[in-house]
Amino acid sequence: MDGLALAPTDAPDAGDVALIERELVAFNVERSLPYDRRPLCVFLRDGAGRAVGGVTGSTNWGWLYLDCFWLPDALRQGGWGGRVLAAAEAEAVARGCRRARLYTYSFQAQSFYERHGYTVFGTLEDDPPGHRQVWMRKDLSA
């Protein structure tokens, strides 16, 4: 492989990204289990059908992976967060998931997730500076 060169970018070509993801999935499947990855999103919609909040994530290998969870301030403390989370977990269980994992930040919603049965399994200090990233999990079969 002559002529190799490193090429950092903040505007990657979609085909290049797809190559890396496709090859990593193939590598993982060869050594583990077939992927059964599917997106899982729960949106909270207003009367006009517009999304006003919700959660994004996916399921794979018996796990629910929660990525982004957001509700506007006016809808917090009213039980909507718990309902959105419960809906995501219920769909994950229907797909055969037994566990869930996510990360949050010390300035976000750690106590919310703890109230809903999540426990901390790791932290990354000073990420972002002055705060910490908190990794959490939950057994969905309980």
N, C-alpha and C. Protein backbone atom coordinates (compact mmCIF):
# COMPACT_ATOMS: atom_id res chain seq x y z
N MET A 1 0.84 -1.19 0.00
CA MET A 1 0.00 0.00 0.00
C MET A 1 0.88 1.24 0.00
N ASP A 2 1.46 1.53 -1.11
CA ASP A 2 2.29 2.72 -1.25
C ASP A 2 1.43 3.97 -1.34
N GLY A 3 1.99 5.08 -0.96
CA GLY A 3 1.34 6.36 -1.13
C GLY A 3 0.26 6.67 -0.11
N LEU A 4 0.23 5.98 1.02
CA LEU A 4 -0.77 6.26 2.05
C LEU A 4 -0.52 7.63 2.66
N ALA A 5 -1.62 8.32 3.01
CA ALA A 5 -1.53 9.64 3.64
C ALA A 5 -2.71 9.81 4.59
N LEU A 6 -2.46 10.45 5.71
CA LEU A 6 -3.53 10.77 6.65
C LEU A 6 -4.28 11.99 6.14
N ALA A 7 -5.63 11.99 6.35
CA ALA A 7 -6.46 13.08 5.84
C ALA A 7 -7.52 13.48 6.85
N PRO A 8 -7.15 14.23 7.90
CA PRO A 8 -8.15 14.72 8.85
C PRO A 8 -9.16 15.63 8.16
N THR A 9 -10.41 15.58 8.59
CA THR A 9 -11.44 16.43 8.00
C THR A 9 -12.59 16.63 8.98
N ASP A 10 -13.26 17.75 8.85
CA ASP A 10 -14.51 17.97 9.59
C ASP A 10 -15.70 17.96 8.63
N ALA A 11 -15.46 17.56 7.40
CA ALA A 11 -16.51 17.44 6.39
C ALA A 11 -16.30 16.13 5.62
N PRO A 12 -16.51 14.99 6.28
CA PRO A 12 -16.22 13.71 5.65
C PRO A 12 -17.18 13.40 4.50
N ASP A 13 -16.67 12.70 3.52
CA ASP A 13 -17.48 12.20 2.42
C ASP A 13 -18.38 11.08 2.96
N ALA A 14 -19.65 11.10 2.63
CA ALA A 14 -20.59 10.09 3.13
C ALA A 14 -20.16 8.68 2.74
N GLY A 15 -19.58 8.52 1.58
CA GLY A 15 -19.11 7.21 1.15
C GLY A 15 -17.95 6.71 1.98
N ASP A 16 -17.07 7.63 2.38
CA ASP A 16 -15.94 7.24 3.24
C ASP A 16 -16.43 6.79 4.61
N VAL A 17 -17.39 7.53 5.17
CA VAL A 17 -17.96 7.16 6.46
C VAL A 17 -18.65 5.80 6.34
N ALA A 18 -19.41 5.61 5.27
CA ALA A 18 -20.11 4.33 5.06
C ALA A 18 -19.12 3.17 4.97
N LEU A 19 -17.98 3.39 4.32
CA LEU A 19 -16.97 2.34 4.22
C LEU A 19 -16.49 1.91 5.59
N ILE A 20 -16.14 2.86 6.43
CA ILE A 20 -15.63 2.56 7.78
C ILE A 20 -16.69 1.81 8.57
N GLU A 21 -17.93 2.31 8.55
CA GLU A 21 -19.00 1.67 9.32
C GLU A 21 -19.30 0.27 8.78
N ARG A 22 -19.38 0.11 7.47
CA ARG A 22 -19.67 -1.19 6.86
C ARG A 22 -18.60 -2.22 7.22
N GLU A 23 -17.34 -1.82 7.11
CA GLU A 23 -16.24 -2.75 7.39
C GLU A 23 -16.15 -3.10 8.87
N LEU A 24 -16.41 -2.15 9.75
CA LEU A 24 -16.40 -2.45 11.19
C LEU A 24 -17.53 -3.41 11.54
N VAL A 25 -18.72 -3.19 10.99
CA VAL A 25 -19.84 -4.10 11.24
C VAL A 25 -19.49 -5.49 10.75
N ALA A 26 -18.92 -5.61 9.55
CA ALA A 26 -18.54 -6.92 9.01
C ALA A 26 -17.52 -7.61 9.92
N PHE A 27 -16.54 -6.86 10.40
CA PHE A 27 -15.54 -7.39 11.32
C PHE A 27 -16.21 -7.91 12.59
N ASN A 28 -17.10 -7.09 13.17
CA ASN A 28 -17.77 -7.47 14.41
C ASN A 28 -18.65 -8.71 14.22
N VAL A 29 -19.40 -8.74 13.13
CA VAL A 29 -20.29 -9.87 12.88
C VAL A 29 -19.50 -11.16 12.69
N GLU A 30 -18.37 -11.06 12.02
CA GLU A 30 -17.52 -12.24 11.80
C GLU A 30 -17.03 -12.83 13.12
N ARG A 31 -16.84 -11.99 14.12
CA ARG A 31 -16.28 -12.44 15.38
C ARG A 31 -17.30 -12.56 16.51
N SER A 32 -18.53 -12.13 16.26
CA SER A 32 -19.52 -12.12 17.34
C SER A 32 -20.86 -12.63 16.85
N LEU A 33 -21.84 -11.77 16.79
CA LEU A 33 -23.20 -12.11 16.38
C LEU A 33 -23.63 -11.21 15.23
N PRO A 34 -24.58 -11.66 14.42
CA PRO A 34 -25.13 -10.77 13.41
C PRO A 34 -25.76 -9.54 14.06
N TYR A 35 -25.60 -8.40 13.44
CA TYR A 35 -26.24 -7.18 13.93
C TYR A 35 -27.73 -7.29 13.71
N ASP A 36 -28.48 -6.83 14.69
CA ASP A 36 -29.91 -6.67 14.52
C ASP A 36 -30.27 -5.22 14.85
N ARG A 37 -29.35 -4.31 14.54
CA ARG A 37 -29.48 -2.89 14.88
C ARG A 37 -30.65 -2.26 14.16
N ARG A 38 -31.51 -1.62 14.96
CA ARG A 38 -32.65 -0.88 14.43
C ARG A 38 -32.77 0.43 15.20
N PRO A 39 -33.06 1.52 14.50
CA PRO A 39 -33.33 2.78 15.21
C PRO A 39 -34.54 2.62 16.13
N LEU A 40 -34.52 3.32 17.23
CA LEU A 40 -35.67 3.38 18.12
C LEU A 40 -35.78 4.82 18.61
N CYS A 41 -36.83 5.48 18.20
CA CYS A 41 -37.09 6.86 18.61
C CYS A 41 -38.50 6.95 19.16
N VAL A 42 -38.67 7.77 20.17
CA VAL A 42 -40.00 8.09 20.70
C VAL A 42 -40.10 9.61 20.69
N PHE A 43 -41.05 10.11 19.92
CA PHE A 43 -41.25 11.55 19.82
C PHE A 43 -42.50 11.96 20.58
N LEU A 44 -42.43 13.06 21.28
CA LEU A 44 -43.58 13.69 21.90
C LEU A 44 -44.07 14.73 20.90
N ARG A 45 -45.32 14.62 20.46
CA ARG A 45 -45.85 15.50 19.42
C ARG A 45 -46.95 16.38 19.97
N ASP A 46 -47.03 17.60 19.42
CA ASP A 46 -48.10 18.52 19.81
C ASP A 46 -49.36 18.19 19.01
N GLY A 47 -50.42 18.98 19.23
CA GLY A 47 -51.70 18.74 18.57
C GLY A 47 -51.65 18.80 17.06
N ALA A 48 -50.66 19.51 16.51
CA ALA A 48 -50.49 19.60 15.05
C ALA A 48 -49.59 18.50 14.51
N GLY A 49 -49.13 17.62 15.39
CA GLY A 49 -48.29 16.52 14.95
C GLY A 49 -46.81 16.84 14.86
N ARG A 50 -46.41 18.03 15.31
CA ARG A 50 -44.99 18.41 15.29
C ARG A 50 -44.26 17.83 16.49
N ALA A 51 -43.06 17.32 16.27
CA ALA A 51 -42.25 16.83 17.38
C ALA A 51 -41.83 18.02 18.25
N VAL A 52 -42.04 17.88 19.55
CA VAL A 52 -41.64 18.92 20.50
C VAL A 52 -40.59 18.40 21.48
N GLY A 53 -40.26 17.13 21.39
CA GLY A 53 -39.26 16.52 22.27
C GLY A 53 -39.26 15.02 22.04
N GLY A 54 -38.41 14.34 22.81
CA GLY A 54 -38.37 12.89 22.72
C GLY A 54 -36.98 12.33 22.91
N VAL A 55 -36.84 11.08 22.49
CA VAL A 55 -35.57 10.36 22.65
C VAL A 55 -35.22 9.67 21.34
N THR A 56 -33.92 9.63 21.05
CA THR A 56 -33.42 8.88 19.90
C THR A 56 -32.48 7.81 20.40
N GLY A 57 -32.40 6.73 19.66
CA GLY A 57 -31.50 5.66 20.05
C GLY A 57 -31.61 4.50 19.08
N SER A 58 -31.22 3.33 19.55
CA SER A 58 -31.29 2.13 18.71
C SER A 58 -31.27 0.90 19.61
N THR A 59 -31.57 -0.24 19.00
CA THR A 59 -31.44 -1.52 19.69
C THR A 59 -30.49 -2.39 18.89
N ASN A 60 -29.72 -3.21 19.59
CA ASN A 60 -28.80 -4.15 18.96
C ASN A 60 -28.30 -5.12 20.02
N TRP A 61 -28.18 -6.39 19.64
CA TRP A 61 -27.61 -7.41 20.51
C TRP A 61 -28.26 -7.46 21.89
N GLY A 62 -29.56 -7.22 21.95
CA GLY A 62 -30.27 -7.31 23.22
C GLY A 62 -30.15 -6.09 24.11
N TRP A 63 -29.62 -5.01 23.56
CA TRP A 63 -29.45 -3.77 24.33
C TRP A 63 -30.23 -2.63 23.70
N LEU A 64 -30.76 -1.76 24.55
CA LEU A 64 -31.30 -0.47 24.14
C LEU A 64 -30.21 0.55 24.35
N TYR A 65 -29.85 1.28 23.30
CA TYR A 65 -28.86 2.35 23.38
C TYR A 65 -29.58 3.68 23.24
N LEU A 66 -29.64 4.46 24.31
CA LEU A 66 -30.26 5.78 24.25
C LEU A 66 -29.19 6.80 23.91
N ASP A 67 -29.47 7.61 22.90
CA ASP A 67 -28.49 8.60 22.44
C ASP A 67 -28.83 10.01 22.90
N CYS A 68 -29.91 10.56 22.43
CA CYS A 68 -30.29 11.94 22.76
C CYS A 68 -31.70 11.96 23.34
N PHE A 69 -31.88 12.67 24.45
CA PHE A 69 -33.19 12.77 25.10
C PHE A 69 -33.38 14.24 25.46
N TRP A 70 -34.43 14.83 24.93
CA TRP A 70 -34.65 16.25 25.19
C TRP A 70 -36.14 16.56 25.27
N LEU A 71 -36.48 17.39 26.25
CA LEU A 71 -37.81 17.96 26.38
C LEU A 71 -37.65 19.45 26.65
N PRO A 72 -38.54 20.28 26.11
CA PRO A 72 -38.46 21.71 26.43
C PRO A 72 -38.77 21.94 27.91
N ASP A 73 -38.25 23.04 28.44
CA ASP A 73 -38.42 23.34 29.87
C ASP A 73 -39.88 23.26 30.31
N ALA A 74 -40.79 23.74 29.48
CA ALA A 74 -42.21 23.78 29.85
C ALA A 74 -42.80 22.38 30.06
N LEU A 75 -42.16 21.35 29.53
CA LEU A 75 -42.68 19.98 29.66
C LEU A 75 -41.92 19.14 30.67
N ARG A 76 -40.95 19.74 31.34
CA ARG A 76 -40.21 19.01 32.36
C ARG A 76 -40.95 19.09 33.68
N GLN A 77 -40.73 18.13 34.54
CA GLN A 77 -41.38 18.04 35.86
C GLN A 77 -42.87 17.73 35.76
N GLY A 78 -43.35 17.36 34.59
CA GLY A 78 -44.77 17.02 34.43
C GLY A 78 -45.02 15.56 34.14
N GLY A 79 -43.98 14.74 34.22
CA GLY A 79 -44.14 13.31 33.99
C GLY A 79 -43.91 12.88 32.55
N TRP A 80 -43.75 13.84 31.65
CA TRP A 80 -43.55 13.46 30.24
C TRP A 80 -42.24 12.72 30.03
N GLY A 81 -41.20 13.12 30.72
CA GLY A 81 -39.90 12.45 30.55
C GLY A 81 -39.99 10.98 30.92
N GLY A 82 -40.64 10.69 32.03
CA GLY A 82 -40.81 9.31 32.45
C GLY A 82 -41.63 8.51 31.46
N ARG A 83 -42.65 9.14 30.88
CA ARG A 83 -43.49 8.44 29.89
C ARG A 83 -42.71 8.16 28.61
N VAL A 84 -41.92 9.13 28.16
CA VAL A 84 -41.11 8.92 26.96
C VAL A 84 -40.11 7.79 27.20
N LEU A 85 -39.43 7.83 28.33
CA LEU A 85 -38.44 6.80 28.67
C LEU A 85 -39.12 5.42 28.77
N ALA A 86 -40.26 5.35 29.42
CA ALA A 86 -40.97 4.08 29.56
C ALA A 86 -41.40 3.54 28.20
N ALA A 87 -41.82 4.41 27.30
CA ALA A 87 -42.23 3.97 25.96
C ALA A 87 -41.04 3.39 25.20
N ALA A 88 -39.88 4.04 25.31
CA ALA A 88 -38.67 3.52 24.65
C ALA A 88 -38.27 2.17 25.23
N GLU A 89 -38.31 2.06 26.54
CA GLU A 89 -37.95 0.80 27.19
C GLU A 89 -38.93 -0.31 26.82
N ALA A 90 -40.23 0.00 26.77
CA ALA A 90 -41.23 -1.00 26.42
C ALA A 90 -41.02 -1.51 25.00
N GLU A 91 -40.74 -0.61 24.07
CA GLU A 91 -40.47 -1.03 22.69
C GLU A 91 -39.21 -1.88 22.63
N ALA A 92 -38.20 -1.51 23.40
CA ALA A 92 -36.96 -2.28 23.42
C ALA A 92 -37.22 -3.70 23.95
N VAL A 93 -37.99 -3.82 25.00
CA VAL A 93 -38.33 -5.13 25.55
C VAL A 93 -39.11 -5.94 24.51
N ALA A 94 -40.04 -5.29 23.80
CA ALA A 94 -40.79 -5.99 22.75
C ALA A 94 -39.86 -6.50 21.64
N ARG A 95 -38.73 -5.84 21.45
CA ARG A 95 -37.73 -6.27 20.47
C ARG A 95 -36.77 -7.31 21.03
N GLY A 96 -36.94 -7.68 22.28
CA GLY A 96 -36.09 -8.69 22.88
C GLY A 96 -34.93 -8.16 23.69
N CYS A 97 -34.90 -6.87 23.94
CA CYS A 97 -33.79 -6.30 24.72
C CYS A 97 -33.95 -6.63 26.20
N ARG A 98 -32.83 -6.87 26.84
CA ARG A 98 -32.80 -7.17 28.27
C ARG A 98 -32.14 -6.07 29.09
N ARG A 99 -31.40 -5.19 28.43
CA ARG A 99 -30.67 -4.13 29.14
C ARG A 99 -30.71 -2.84 28.33
N ALA A 100 -30.42 -1.73 29.05
CA ALA A 100 -30.33 -0.42 28.40
C ALA A 100 -29.06 0.26 28.88
N ARG A 101 -28.50 1.11 28.03
CA ARG A 101 -27.34 1.90 28.43
C ARG A 101 -27.43 3.28 27.79
N LEU A 102 -26.79 4.23 28.46
CA LEU A 102 -26.78 5.62 28.00
C LEU A 102 -25.64 6.33 28.68
N TYR A 103 -25.37 7.54 28.24
CA TYR A 103 -24.52 8.41 29.03
C TYR A 103 -25.17 9.77 29.11
N THR A 104 -24.91 10.43 30.20
CA THR A 104 -25.40 11.77 30.44
C THR A 104 -24.23 12.58 31.01
N TYR A 105 -24.45 13.82 31.30
CA TYR A 105 -23.40 14.66 31.88
C TYR A 105 -23.83 15.11 33.27
N SER A 106 -22.87 15.47 34.10
CA SER A 106 -23.16 15.85 35.47
C SER A 106 -24.10 17.06 35.54
N PHE A 107 -24.20 17.84 34.49
CA PHE A 107 -25.09 19.00 34.49
C PHE A 107 -26.43 18.69 33.81
N GLN A 108 -26.64 17.43 33.43
CA GLN A 108 -27.87 17.06 32.76
C GLN A 108 -28.82 16.29 33.69
N ALA A 109 -29.03 15.00 33.44
CA ALA A 109 -30.17 14.30 34.03
C ALA A 109 -29.82 13.02 34.79
N GLN A 110 -28.67 12.96 35.43
CA GLN A 110 -28.29 11.74 36.15
C GLN A 110 -29.36 11.35 37.16
N SER A 111 -29.86 12.28 37.94
CA SER A 111 -30.85 11.94 38.98
C SER A 111 -32.16 11.46 38.35
N PHE A 112 -32.55 12.00 37.21
CA PHE A 112 -33.74 11.53 36.50
C PHE A 112 -33.61 10.05 36.16
N TYR A 113 -32.48 9.69 35.57
CA TYR A 113 -32.28 8.29 35.19
C TYR A 113 -32.20 7.39 36.43
N GLU A 114 -31.57 7.85 37.49
CA GLU A 114 -31.49 7.05 38.73
C GLU A 114 -32.89 6.80 39.28
N ARG A 115 -33.78 7.80 39.22
CA ARG A 115 -35.16 7.61 39.68
C ARG A 115 -35.89 6.56 38.85
N HIS A 116 -35.42 6.35 37.64
CA HIS A 116 -36.06 5.38 36.74
C HIS A 116 -35.28 4.07 36.65
N GLY A 117 -34.42 3.81 37.64
CA GLY A 117 -33.79 2.50 37.77
C GLY A 117 -32.42 2.35 37.14
N TYR A 118 -31.84 3.41 36.61
CA TYR A 118 -30.51 3.32 36.01
C TYR A 118 -29.44 3.47 37.09
N THR A 119 -28.33 2.75 36.91
CA THR A 119 -27.21 2.84 37.83
C THR A 119 -25.95 3.22 37.06
N VAL A 120 -25.05 3.89 37.76
CA VAL A 120 -23.79 4.34 37.16
C VAL A 120 -22.83 3.16 37.07
N PHE A 121 -22.19 3.00 35.92
CA PHE A 121 -21.14 1.98 35.81
C PHE A 121 -19.81 2.58 35.39
N GLY A 122 -19.76 3.88 35.16
CA GLY A 122 -18.49 4.52 34.84
C GLY A 122 -18.65 6.02 34.70
N THR A 123 -17.54 6.71 34.92
CA THR A 123 -17.52 8.16 34.73
C THR A 123 -16.23 8.55 34.02
N LEU A 124 -16.31 9.64 33.33
CA LEU A 124 -15.15 10.24 32.69
C LEU A 124 -15.04 11.66 33.22
N GLU A 125 -14.05 11.88 34.06
CA GLU A 125 -13.90 13.17 34.73
C GLU A 125 -13.42 14.25 33.75
N ASP A 126 -13.85 15.46 34.02
CA ASP A 126 -13.43 16.65 33.27
C ASP A 126 -13.84 16.57 31.79
N ASP A 127 -15.01 16.00 31.54
CA ASP A 127 -15.55 15.92 30.18
C ASP A 127 -17.01 16.29 30.19
N PRO A 128 -17.36 17.51 29.78
CA PRO A 128 -16.47 18.59 29.36
C PRO A 128 -15.75 19.20 30.57
N PRO A 129 -14.77 20.04 30.30
CA PRO A 129 -13.99 20.60 31.41
C PRO A 129 -14.88 21.15 32.53
N GLY A 130 -14.56 20.74 33.75
CA GLY A 130 -15.32 21.17 34.92
C GLY A 130 -16.52 20.30 35.24
N HIS A 131 -16.79 19.30 34.41
CA HIS A 131 -17.94 18.41 34.59
C HIS A 131 -17.48 16.97 34.39
N ARG A 132 -18.42 16.04 34.34
CA ARG A 132 -18.06 14.65 34.06
C ARG A 132 -19.14 14.01 33.19
N GLN A 133 -18.71 13.04 32.41
CA GLN A 133 -19.62 12.22 31.63
C GLN A 133 -19.95 11.00 32.49
N VAL A 134 -21.21 10.65 32.58
CA VAL A 134 -21.67 9.58 33.45
C VAL A 134 -22.34 8.49 32.61
N TRP A 135 -21.78 7.27 32.65
CA TRP A 135 -22.32 6.13 31.91
C TRP A 135 -23.24 5.35 32.83
N MET A 136 -24.46 5.02 32.33
CA MET A 136 -25.47 4.38 33.15
C MET A 136 -26.08 3.18 32.41
N ARG A 137 -26.63 2.26 33.19
CA ARG A 137 -27.28 1.08 32.62
C ARG A 137 -28.48 0.69 33.44
N LYS A 138 -29.33 -0.13 32.83
CA LYS A 138 -30.53 -0.62 33.52
C LYS A 138 -30.84 -2.01 33.04
N ASP A 139 -31.25 -2.89 33.95
CA ASP A 139 -31.73 -4.21 33.60
C ASP A 139 -33.21 -4.07 33.26
N LEU A 140 -33.59 -4.33 32.02
CA LEU A 140 -34.97 -4.17 31.59
C LEU A 140 -35.83 -5.39 31.91
N SER A 141 -35.21 -6.49 32.34
CA SER A 141 -35.97 -7.69 32.64
C SER A 141 -36.52 -7.70 34.07
N ALA A 142 -36.13 -6.70 34.85
CA ALA A 142 -36.59 -6.64 36.26
C ALA A 142 -38.03 -6.18 36.35
